[in-house]
N, C-alpha and C. Protein backbone atom coordinates (compact mmCIF):
# COMPACT_ATOMS: atom_id res chain seq x y z
N ALA A 1 64.35 122.98 104.90
CA ALA A 1 65.17 123.76 103.99
C ALA A 1 66.62 123.81 104.48
N LYS A 2 66.78 123.96 105.81
CA LYS A 2 68.13 124.02 106.37
C LYS A 2 68.85 122.69 106.19
N GLN A 3 68.10 121.61 106.35
CA GLN A 3 68.68 120.28 106.19
C GLN A 3 69.12 120.06 104.74
N ALA A 4 68.33 120.50 103.79
CA ALA A 4 68.68 120.38 102.37
C ALA A 4 69.93 121.19 102.07
N GLU A 5 70.06 122.35 102.68
CA GLU A 5 71.24 123.20 102.49
C GLU A 5 72.49 122.50 103.02
N GLN A 6 72.38 121.89 104.20
CA GLN A 6 73.51 121.17 104.78
C GLN A 6 73.92 119.99 103.90
N LEU A 7 72.95 119.26 103.37
CA LEU A 7 73.25 118.13 102.49
C LEU A 7 73.97 118.60 101.23
N GLU A 8 73.55 119.74 100.71
CA GLU A 8 74.19 120.29 99.52
C GLU A 8 75.63 120.68 99.80
N ILE A 9 75.87 121.24 100.98
CA ILE A 9 77.22 121.63 101.38
C ILE A 9 78.11 120.40 101.54
N GLN A 10 77.56 119.34 102.10
CA GLN A 10 78.35 118.15 102.40
C GLN A 10 78.50 117.21 101.21
N ALA A 11 77.69 117.38 100.17
CA ALA A 11 77.71 116.48 99.02
C ALA A 11 79.11 116.31 98.41
N PRO A 12 79.88 117.39 98.17
CA PRO A 12 81.22 117.20 97.59
C PRO A 12 82.14 116.38 98.50
N LYS A 13 82.02 116.55 99.82
CA LYS A 13 82.86 115.78 100.74
C LYS A 13 82.48 114.31 100.71
N VAL A 14 81.20 114.02 100.64
CA VAL A 14 80.73 112.64 100.57
C VAL A 14 81.21 112.00 99.27
N GLU A 15 81.09 112.74 98.18
CA GLU A 15 81.54 112.23 96.89
C GLU A 15 83.05 111.97 96.90
N TYR A 16 83.82 112.89 97.50
CA TYR A 16 85.27 112.71 97.62
C TYR A 16 85.56 111.44 98.40
N HIS A 17 84.88 111.25 99.50
CA HIS A 17 85.08 110.05 100.32
C HIS A 17 84.76 108.80 99.52
N ASP A 18 83.60 108.79 98.87
CA ASP A 18 83.16 107.61 98.14
C ASP A 18 84.07 107.28 96.95
N LYS A 19 84.54 108.28 96.25
CA LYS A 19 85.33 108.04 95.05
C LYS A 19 86.83 107.95 95.31
N VAL A 20 87.34 108.74 96.22
CA VAL A 20 88.79 108.83 96.40
C VAL A 20 89.27 108.05 97.61
N LEU A 21 88.78 108.36 98.78
CA LEU A 21 89.33 107.77 100.00
C LEU A 21 89.08 106.27 100.11
N THR A 22 88.12 105.74 99.39
CA THR A 22 87.87 104.30 99.42
C THR A 22 88.59 103.57 98.29
N SER A 23 89.37 104.30 97.49
CA SER A 23 90.12 103.71 96.39
C SER A 23 91.15 102.71 96.92
N LYS A 24 91.42 101.70 96.14
CA LYS A 24 92.42 100.69 96.50
C LYS A 24 93.81 101.04 95.99
N THR A 25 93.94 102.20 95.35
CA THR A 25 95.23 102.65 94.82
C THR A 25 96.17 102.97 95.98
N THR A 26 97.45 102.65 95.80
CA THR A 26 98.45 103.00 96.81
C THR A 26 99.55 103.81 96.14
N TYR A 27 100.31 104.53 96.99
CA TYR A 27 101.37 105.41 96.50
C TYR A 27 102.63 105.18 97.31
N THR A 28 103.76 105.26 96.64
CA THR A 28 105.03 105.16 97.35
C THR A 28 105.25 106.43 98.16
N THR A 29 106.11 106.34 99.13
CA THR A 29 106.45 107.52 99.92
C THR A 29 107.08 108.59 99.04
N THR A 30 107.83 108.18 98.04
CA THR A 30 108.46 109.14 97.12
C THR A 30 107.40 110.00 96.44
N ILE A 31 106.33 109.40 95.95
CA ILE A 31 105.28 110.15 95.26
C ILE A 31 104.61 111.14 96.22
N VAL A 32 104.24 110.66 97.41
CA VAL A 32 103.57 111.53 98.39
C VAL A 32 104.52 112.65 98.83
N ALA A 33 105.77 112.32 99.04
CA ALA A 33 106.76 113.31 99.46
C ALA A 33 106.93 114.41 98.41
N LYS A 34 106.99 114.04 97.16
CA LYS A 34 107.15 115.02 96.08
C LYS A 34 105.96 115.98 96.05
N GLU A 35 104.77 115.49 96.37
CA GLU A 35 103.58 116.33 96.37
C GLU A 35 103.67 117.45 97.41
N ILE A 36 104.40 117.20 98.48
CA ILE A 36 104.52 118.21 99.54
C ILE A 36 105.90 118.88 99.54
N GLY A 37 106.68 118.62 98.49
CA GLY A 37 107.97 119.29 98.35
C GLY A 37 109.07 118.76 99.24
N MET A 38 109.01 117.48 99.57
CA MET A 38 110.03 116.86 100.41
C MET A 38 110.57 115.61 99.72
N SER A 39 111.65 115.07 100.26
CA SER A 39 112.16 113.79 99.78
C SER A 39 111.52 112.67 100.61
N ALA A 40 111.51 111.48 100.06
CA ALA A 40 110.97 110.34 100.79
C ALA A 40 111.76 110.10 102.06
N MET A 41 113.07 110.27 101.98
CA MET A 41 113.92 110.09 103.17
C MET A 41 113.50 111.03 104.29
N LYS A 42 113.26 112.28 103.94
CA LYS A 42 112.87 113.29 104.93
C LYS A 42 111.49 112.97 105.52
N VAL A 43 110.54 112.58 104.66
CA VAL A 43 109.20 112.24 105.15
C VAL A 43 109.29 111.06 106.11
N ASN A 44 110.02 110.01 105.72
CA ASN A 44 110.16 108.85 106.60
C ASN A 44 110.79 109.24 107.93
N LYS A 45 111.81 110.06 107.88
CA LYS A 45 112.49 110.52 109.10
C LYS A 45 111.53 111.31 110.00
N GLU A 46 110.74 112.19 109.39
CA GLU A 46 109.80 113.01 110.15
C GLU A 46 108.66 112.16 110.73
N LEU A 47 108.16 111.20 109.96
CA LEU A 47 107.11 110.32 110.46
C LEU A 47 107.62 109.48 111.62
N LYS A 48 108.88 109.09 111.54
CA LYS A 48 109.49 108.36 112.67
C LYS A 48 109.61 109.28 113.88
N ARG A 49 110.06 110.51 113.65
CA ARG A 49 110.25 111.47 114.75
C ARG A 49 108.95 111.71 115.54
N ILE A 50 107.83 111.77 114.85
CA ILE A 50 106.57 112.05 115.55
C ILE A 50 105.82 110.78 115.94
N GLY A 51 106.45 109.61 115.74
CA GLY A 51 105.89 108.36 116.24
C GLY A 51 104.87 107.68 115.35
N VAL A 52 104.81 108.06 114.09
CA VAL A 52 103.86 107.43 113.17
C VAL A 52 104.38 106.07 112.72
N GLN A 53 105.68 105.96 112.52
CA GLN A 53 106.25 104.72 112.01
C GLN A 53 107.63 104.46 112.59
N TYR A 54 108.09 103.24 112.38
CA TYR A 54 109.44 102.86 112.77
C TYR A 54 109.92 101.81 111.76
N LYS A 55 111.21 101.56 111.76
CA LYS A 55 111.77 100.60 110.81
C LYS A 55 112.00 99.26 111.50
N GLN A 56 111.53 98.20 110.84
CA GLN A 56 111.71 96.84 111.34
C GLN A 56 112.32 96.01 110.22
N ARG A 57 113.55 95.55 110.42
CA ARG A 57 114.27 94.74 109.42
C ARG A 57 114.21 95.34 108.03
N GLY A 58 114.43 96.65 107.96
CA GLY A 58 114.51 97.33 106.68
C GLY A 58 113.19 97.79 106.09
N THR A 59 112.08 97.54 106.77
CA THR A 59 110.76 97.93 106.27
C THR A 59 110.10 98.90 107.23
N TRP A 60 109.54 99.98 106.69
CA TRP A 60 108.82 100.93 107.52
C TRP A 60 107.49 100.31 107.93
N VAL A 61 107.19 100.37 109.23
CA VAL A 61 105.97 99.79 109.80
C VAL A 61 105.27 100.88 110.60
N LEU A 62 103.95 100.96 110.48
CA LEU A 62 103.22 101.95 111.26
C LEU A 62 103.17 101.53 112.72
N SER A 63 103.28 102.50 113.60
CA SER A 63 103.18 102.20 115.03
C SER A 63 101.75 101.80 115.35
N SER A 64 101.56 101.15 116.49
CA SER A 64 100.26 100.59 116.83
C SER A 64 99.13 101.62 116.81
N LYS A 65 99.41 102.85 117.16
CA LYS A 65 98.39 103.90 117.17
C LYS A 65 97.82 104.15 115.77
N TYR A 66 98.61 103.91 114.74
CA TYR A 66 98.21 104.22 113.37
C TYR A 66 97.97 103.00 112.49
N GLN A 67 98.31 101.81 112.96
CA GLN A 67 98.31 100.63 112.10
C GLN A 67 96.94 100.20 111.59
N ASN A 68 95.87 100.48 112.30
CA ASN A 68 94.55 100.03 111.87
C ASN A 68 93.67 101.15 111.34
N LYS A 69 94.27 102.21 110.86
CA LYS A 69 93.51 103.35 110.36
C LYS A 69 93.38 103.35 108.84
N GLY A 70 93.96 102.35 108.19
CA GLY A 70 93.87 102.26 106.74
C GLY A 70 94.80 103.20 106.00
N TYR A 71 95.85 103.68 106.68
CA TYR A 71 96.78 104.62 106.06
C TYR A 71 97.77 103.97 105.11
N ALA A 72 98.10 102.72 105.33
CA ALA A 72 99.14 102.08 104.52
C ALA A 72 98.81 100.61 104.30
N MET A 73 99.42 100.08 103.25
CA MET A 73 99.32 98.65 102.94
C MET A 73 100.73 98.16 102.62
N THR A 74 100.94 96.90 102.81
CA THR A 74 102.23 96.32 102.43
C THR A 74 102.01 95.34 101.29
N SER A 75 103.04 95.19 100.50
CA SER A 75 103.01 94.20 99.43
C SER A 75 104.38 93.54 99.36
N THR A 76 104.38 92.30 98.95
CA THR A 76 105.61 91.53 98.85
C THR A 76 106.07 91.51 97.39
N HIS A 77 107.34 91.77 97.20
CA HIS A 77 107.92 91.77 95.86
C HIS A 77 109.10 90.81 95.82
N ALA A 78 109.17 90.01 94.77
CA ALA A 78 110.28 89.08 94.58
C ALA A 78 111.33 89.73 93.70
N TYR A 79 112.59 89.38 93.97
CA TYR A 79 113.69 89.88 93.15
C TYR A 79 114.81 88.84 93.17
N THR A 80 115.74 88.98 92.25
CA THR A 80 116.90 88.09 92.19
C THR A 80 118.11 88.88 92.66
N ASN A 81 118.82 88.35 93.65
CA ASN A 81 119.98 89.07 94.18
C ASN A 81 121.22 88.82 93.30
N ALA A 82 122.32 89.39 93.68
CA ALA A 82 123.56 89.31 92.90
C ALA A 82 124.08 87.88 92.75
N HIS A 83 123.65 86.97 93.64
CA HIS A 83 124.09 85.57 93.59
C HIS A 83 123.11 84.69 92.83
N GLY A 84 122.09 85.32 92.20
CA GLY A 84 121.11 84.57 91.43
C GLY A 84 120.02 83.94 92.27
N GLU A 85 119.97 84.28 93.55
CA GLU A 85 118.96 83.72 94.45
C GLU A 85 117.69 84.58 94.43
N THR A 86 116.56 83.90 94.47
CA THR A 86 115.29 84.62 94.55
C THR A 86 115.06 85.02 96.00
N ARG A 87 114.78 86.29 96.19
CA ARG A 87 114.51 86.83 97.52
C ARG A 87 113.21 87.62 97.46
N THR A 88 112.70 87.98 98.60
CA THR A 88 111.51 88.82 98.65
C THR A 88 111.75 90.00 99.59
N THR A 89 111.00 91.04 99.35
CA THR A 89 111.05 92.21 100.21
C THR A 89 109.63 92.73 100.38
N ILE A 90 109.37 93.37 101.50
CA ILE A 90 108.05 93.94 101.76
C ILE A 90 108.15 95.45 101.59
N LEU A 91 107.24 96.02 100.81
CA LEU A 91 107.18 97.46 100.61
C LEU A 91 105.92 98.01 101.28
N THR A 92 106.08 99.11 101.98
CA THR A 92 104.94 99.80 102.57
C THR A 92 104.55 100.93 101.64
N GLU A 93 103.29 100.98 101.27
CA GLU A 93 102.78 102.04 100.41
C GLU A 93 101.57 102.68 101.06
N TRP A 94 101.34 103.94 100.73
CA TRP A 94 100.28 104.74 101.34
C TRP A 94 98.99 104.65 100.56
N THR A 95 97.89 104.50 101.27
CA THR A 95 96.57 104.53 100.65
C THR A 95 96.16 105.99 100.44
N GLU A 96 95.02 106.21 99.82
CA GLU A 96 94.51 107.58 99.67
C GLU A 96 94.32 108.23 101.04
N GLU A 97 93.83 107.45 102.00
CA GLU A 97 93.62 107.97 103.35
C GLU A 97 94.97 108.34 103.98
N GLY A 98 95.98 107.50 103.77
CA GLY A 98 97.32 107.78 104.29
C GLY A 98 97.95 108.98 103.62
N ARG A 99 97.73 109.10 102.33
CA ARG A 99 98.23 110.25 101.58
C ARG A 99 97.62 111.53 102.14
N LYS A 100 96.33 111.51 102.37
CA LYS A 100 95.63 112.65 102.95
C LYS A 100 96.20 112.96 104.34
N PHE A 101 96.44 111.93 105.14
CA PHE A 101 97.00 112.07 106.48
C PHE A 101 98.36 112.78 106.44
N ILE A 102 99.23 112.36 105.53
CA ILE A 102 100.55 112.97 105.40
C ILE A 102 100.43 114.43 104.96
N HIS A 103 99.56 114.69 104.01
CA HIS A 103 99.34 116.08 103.58
C HIS A 103 98.86 116.94 104.75
N GLU A 104 97.96 116.41 105.57
CA GLU A 104 97.46 117.16 106.74
C GLU A 104 98.56 117.40 107.76
N LEU A 105 99.42 116.41 107.99
CA LEU A 105 100.55 116.59 108.90
C LEU A 105 101.44 117.71 108.40
N HIS A 106 101.68 117.74 107.10
CA HIS A 106 102.53 118.77 106.50
C HIS A 106 101.87 120.15 106.61
N GLU A 107 100.58 120.21 106.29
CA GLU A 107 99.86 121.49 106.36
C GLU A 107 99.82 122.04 107.79
N ASN A 108 99.76 121.14 108.78
CA ASN A 108 99.73 121.54 110.19
C ASN A 108 101.12 121.67 110.79
N LYS A 109 102.16 121.67 109.94
CA LYS A 109 103.56 121.88 110.34
C LYS A 109 104.08 120.84 111.33
N LYS A 110 103.52 119.61 111.25
CA LYS A 110 104.01 118.56 112.13
C LYS A 110 105.17 117.80 111.49
N ILE A 111 105.19 117.83 110.15
CA ILE A 111 106.34 117.26 109.43
C ILE A 111 106.79 118.29 108.42
């Protein structure tokens, strides 16, 4: 009976994990920042301050401690510059797990 009670308590968390945290959807820093009442610039600055990320050639990159936790993904985007040349840029976006991580950092007053 106690085991059944524990399973019932944990069922919503398992469902959240299965449906949300395993989603392939990603979010820009701007979207996640707005959810916690900050600007993307401020969030990036704070994540850098606490060692979560750093900037490499104009792109935010997770530090080695965080890079394999599934918090972020990168995607390449093509664009045409002012001289008509095709260029590419890499954007870092947050996964559901990364979004949750940032929210937890904010709730725990780390950012």
